[in-house]
Every structure is written in C-alpha cells, then in structure tokens.
Amino acid sequence: MFIERLLVAVIMTITVESMVILVYKNRTLKLFLSSMIINLFTNLSMNFLLMRYFFEPSIYPNALLILELLVVCIESFVYYLMTRNIKTSILLSLIANLLSFIIGIIFL
C-alpha cells in the first residue's frame, strides 16, 4: 500500500506539473526533462517523509506546509538554472505545485 501510494502521487504530480511546463511559452526540452526529473526526486522524497515520519495528524499539516514550501524552493532553483529568470522560475514552480496539490487533494 505504501509503495502504491508513492507511485500514484509521483505519477499524478509529474503529469500535472509537466502540463504546466508544456503551456509555458519559452519551454525547451531541457526544461521539460529537468522538470520531470526534479519532480521525481522532490515528490518521492516529500511523500516518503510525510508517510513515514509525519503521518501523525497533529503534525502532518505543518510538516506538509513546510515540505511543500521546500519543494517550491528547490524546483524554483532548478527552473532558474534552465530559464535564468527568477520571476518566471518561481511562478512556474508555484503554479505547478499549487495545481498538483489541489488535484492531489481532490483525487487522493
């Protein structure tokens, strides 16, 4: 069950966040592939930590918020390396993560 939940979460996240990258007007193959790789890393890491160490209801919401913010920062940095535009990189990461978060709440 644990592995299945991780796989569903990462597949959903990569799908949603890849769509955000695809609608970005200055997308490149390098940005697209970097997005998929960084999402694989950040999503699996975050969900593993949440499911393994922060599943207790009293700490889960705070841990989720902190880890989501950390993911946005990490992904923004990677997008910045690809775009060299800090505003764009933060916006891409925020939009992609917000959409995948909302869809995750609805479907997971």
C-alpha atoms as a PDB file:
ATOM      1  CA  MET A   1       0.000   0.000   0.000  1.00  0.00           C
ATOM      2  CA  PHE A   2       2.818   2.416   0.886  1.00  0.00           C
ATOM      3  CA  ILE A   3       4.647   1.915  -2.426  1.00  0.00           C
ATOM      4  CA  GLU A   4       1.424   2.140  -4.433  1.00  0.00           C
ATOM      5  CA  ARG A   5       0.539   5.475  -2.823  1.00  0.00           C
ATOM      6  CA  LEU A   6       4.002   6.838  -3.575  1.00  0.00           C
ATOM      7  CA  LEU A   7       3.740   5.750  -7.205  1.00  0.00           C
ATOM      8  CA  VAL A   8       0.275   7.229  -7.684  1.00  0.00           C
ATOM      9  CA  ALA A   9       1.382  10.524  -6.123  1.00  0.00           C
ATOM     10  CA  VAL A  10       4.516  10.826  -8.250  1.00  0.00           C
ATOM     11  CA  ILE A  11       2.755   9.891 -11.493  1.00  0.00           C
ATOM     12  CA  MET A  12      -0.016  12.384 -10.832  1.00  0.00           C
ATOM     13  CA  THR A  13       2.453  15.116  -9.906  1.00  0.00           C
ATOM     14  CA  ILE A  14       4.684  14.588 -12.919  1.00  0.00           C
ATOM     15  CA  THR A  15       1.651  14.558 -15.227  1.00  0.00           C
ATOM     16  CA  VAL A  16       0.147  17.767 -13.829  1.00  0.00           C
ATOM     17  CA  GLU A  17       3.411  19.668 -13.490  1.00  0.00           C
ATOM     18  CA  SER A  18       4.564  18.587 -16.960  1.00  0.00           C
ATOM     19  CA  MET A  19       1.384  20.103 -18.386  1.00  0.00           C
ATOM     20  CA  VAL A  20       2.260  23.405 -16.704  1.00  0.00           C
ATOM     21  CA  ILE A  21       5.692  23.328 -18.336  1.00  0.00           C
ATOM     22  CA  LEU A  22       4.123  22.481 -21.705  1.00  0.00           C
ATOM     23  CA  VAL A  23       1.958  25.615 -21.673  1.00  0.00           C
ATOM     24  CA  TYR A  24       4.926  27.825 -20.745  1.00  0.00           C
ATOM     25  CA  LYS A  25       5.729  29.815 -23.893  1.00  0.00           C
ATOM     26  CA  ASN A  26       9.530  29.556 -23.637  1.00  0.00           C
ATOM     27  CA  ARG A  27       9.685  25.868 -22.833  1.00  0.00           C
ATOM     28  CA  THR A  28      12.564  23.754 -24.004  1.00  0.00           C
ATOM     29  CA  LEU A  29      13.159  20.045 -23.975  1.00  0.00           C
ATOM     30  CA  LYS A  30      15.816  20.621 -21.320  1.00  0.00           C
ATOM     31  CA  LEU A  31      13.324  22.465 -19.074  1.00  0.00           C
ATOM     32  CA  PHE A  32      10.685  19.785 -19.627  1.00  0.00           C
ATOM     33  CA  LEU A  33      13.048  16.911 -18.802  1.00  0.00           C
ATOM     34  CA  SER A  34      14.523  18.786 -15.838  1.00  0.00           C
ATOM     35  CA  SER A  35      11.009  19.316 -14.516  1.00  0.00           C
ATOM     36  CA  MET A  36      10.242  15.611 -14.725  1.00  0.00           C
ATOM     37  CA  ILE A  37      13.492  14.626 -13.008  1.00  0.00           C
ATOM     38  CA  ILE A  38      13.249  17.169 -10.190  1.00  0.00           C
ATOM     39  CA  ASN A  39       9.593  16.266  -9.618  1.00  0.00           C
ATOM     40  CA  LEU A  40      10.505  12.615  -9.367  1.00  0.00           C
ATOM     41  CA  PHE A  41      13.043  13.478  -6.677  1.00  0.00           C
ATOM     42  CA  THR A  42      11.041  16.072  -4.721  1.00  0.00           C
ATOM     43  CA  ASN A  43       7.727  14.240  -4.819  1.00  0.00           C
ATOM     44  CA  LEU A  44       9.084  10.879  -3.779  1.00  0.00           C
ATOM     45  CA  SER A  45      11.190  12.463  -1.047  1.00  0.00           C
ATOM     46  CA  MET A  46       8.374  14.593   0.335  1.00  0.00           C
ATOM     47  CA  ASN A  47       5.772  11.822   0.281  1.00  0.00           C
ATOM     48  CA  PHE A  48       8.167   9.311   1.781  1.00  0.00           C
ATOM     49  CA  LEU A  49       8.909  11.708   4.653  1.00  0.00           C
ATOM     50  CA  LEU A  50       5.233  12.516   5.171  1.00  0.00           C
ATOM     51  CA  MET A  51       4.101   8.900   5.134  1.00  0.00           C
ATOM     52  CA  ARG A  52       6.983   7.565   7.172  1.00  0.00           C
ATOM     53  CA  TYR A  53       7.698  10.259   9.788  1.00  0.00           C
ATOM     54  CA  PHE A  54       4.947  12.885   9.813  1.00  0.00           C
ATOM     55  CA  PHE A  55       1.755  10.850   9.455  1.00  0.00           C
ATOM     56  CA  GLU A  56       0.547  11.734  12.939  1.00  0.00           C
ATOM     57  CA  PRO A  57      -2.489  14.035  12.499  1.00  0.00           C
ATOM     58  CA  SER A  58      -1.209  16.655  14.933  1.00  0.00           C
ATOM     59  CA  ILE A  59       1.981  17.350  12.953  1.00  0.00           C
ATOM     60  CA  TYR A  60       1.005  16.352   9.407  1.00  0.00           C
ATOM     61  CA  PRO A  61      -0.450  19.735   8.275  1.00  0.00           C
ATOM     62  CA  ASN A  62       2.587  21.706   9.454  1.00  0.00           C
ATOM     63  CA  ALA A  63       5.014  19.175   8.006  1.00  0.00           C
ATOM     64  CA  LEU A  64       3.113  19.216   4.707  1.00  0.00           C
ATOM     65  CA  LEU A  65       3.243  23.017   4.503  1.00  0.00           C
ATOM     66  CA  ILE A  66       6.953  23.183   5.311  1.00  0.00           C
ATOM     67  CA  LEU A  67       7.847  20.400   2.889  1.00  0.00           C
ATOM     68  CA  GLU A  68       5.701  21.892   0.100  1.00  0.00           C
ATOM     69  CA  LEU A  69       7.446  25.248   0.537  1.00  0.00           C
ATOM     70  CA  LEU A  70      10.802  23.500   0.424  1.00  0.00           C
ATOM     71  CA  VAL A  71       9.764  21.716  -2.784  1.00  0.00           C
ATOM     72  CA  VAL A  72       8.746  25.036  -4.364  1.00  0.00           C
ATOM     73  CA  CYS A  73      12.152  26.494  -3.468  1.00  0.00           C
ATOM     74  CA  ILE A  74      14.075  23.516  -4.847  1.00  0.00           C
ATOM     75  CA  GLU A  75      12.065  23.380  -8.053  1.00  0.00           C
ATOM     76  CA  SER A  76      12.292  27.163  -8.490  1.00  0.00           C
ATOM     77  CA  PHE A  77      16.058  26.905  -8.268  1.00  0.00           C
ATOM     78  CA  VAL A  78      16.169  24.184 -10.927  1.00  0.00           C
ATOM     79  CA  TYR A  79      13.840  26.195 -13.182  1.00  0.00           C
ATOM     80  CA  TYR A  80      16.028  29.236 -12.645  1.00  0.00           C
ATOM     81  CA  LEU A  81      19.036  27.262 -13.864  1.00  0.00           C
ATOM     82  CA  MET A  82      17.084  26.499 -17.042  1.00  0.00           C
ATOM     83  CA  THR A  83      15.410  29.892 -17.653  1.00  0.00           C
ATOM     84  CA  ARG A  84      17.783  32.370 -15.955  1.00  0.00           C
ATOM     85  CA  ASN A  85      14.685  34.302 -14.922  1.00  0.00           C
ATOM     86  CA  ILE A  86      13.923  34.294 -11.190  1.00  0.00           C
ATOM     87  CA  LYS A  87      10.368  35.609 -11.540  1.00  0.00           C
ATOM     88  CA  THR A  88       9.498  33.010 -14.170  1.00  0.00           C
ATOM     89  CA  SER A  89      11.093  30.179 -12.234  1.00  0.00           C
ATOM     90  CA  ILE A  90       9.211  30.993  -9.025  1.00  0.00           C
ATOM     91  CA  LEU A  91       5.942  31.462 -10.893  1.00  0.00           C
ATOM     92  CA  LEU A  92       6.322  28.161 -12.765  1.00  0.00           C
ATOM     93  CA  SER A  93       7.063  26.298  -9.550  1.00  0.00           C
ATOM     94  CA  LEU A  94       4.231  27.926  -7.598  1.00  0.00           C
ATOM     95  CA  ILE A  95       1.622  27.308 -10.300  1.00  0.00           C
ATOM     96  CA  ALA A  96       2.752  23.733 -10.971  1.00  0.00           C
ATOM     97  CA  ASN A  97       2.872  22.813  -7.292  1.00  0.00           C
ATOM     98  CA  LEU A  98      -0.405  24.505  -6.443  1.00  0.00           C
ATOM     99  CA  LEU A  99      -2.205  22.675  -9.243  1.00  0.00           C
ATOM    100  CA  SER A 100      -0.730  19.301  -8.354  1.00  0.00           C
ATOM    101  CA  PHE A 101      -1.500  19.914  -4.671  1.00  0.00           C
ATOM    102  CA  ILE A 102      -5.157  20.760  -5.400  1.00  0.00           C
ATOM    103  CA  ILE A 103      -5.576  17.814  -7.754  1.00  0.00           C
ATOM    104  CA  GLY A 104      -3.907  15.561  -5.185  1.00  0.00           C
ATOM    105  CA  ILE A 105      -6.359  16.685  -2.511  1.00  0.00           C
ATOM    106  CA  ILE A 106      -9.300  16.054  -4.838  1.00  0.00           C
ATOM    107  CA  PHE A 107      -8.252  12.652  -6.151  1.00  0.00           C
ATOM    108  CA  LEU A 108      -6.003  11.161  -3.478  1.00  0.00           C
END
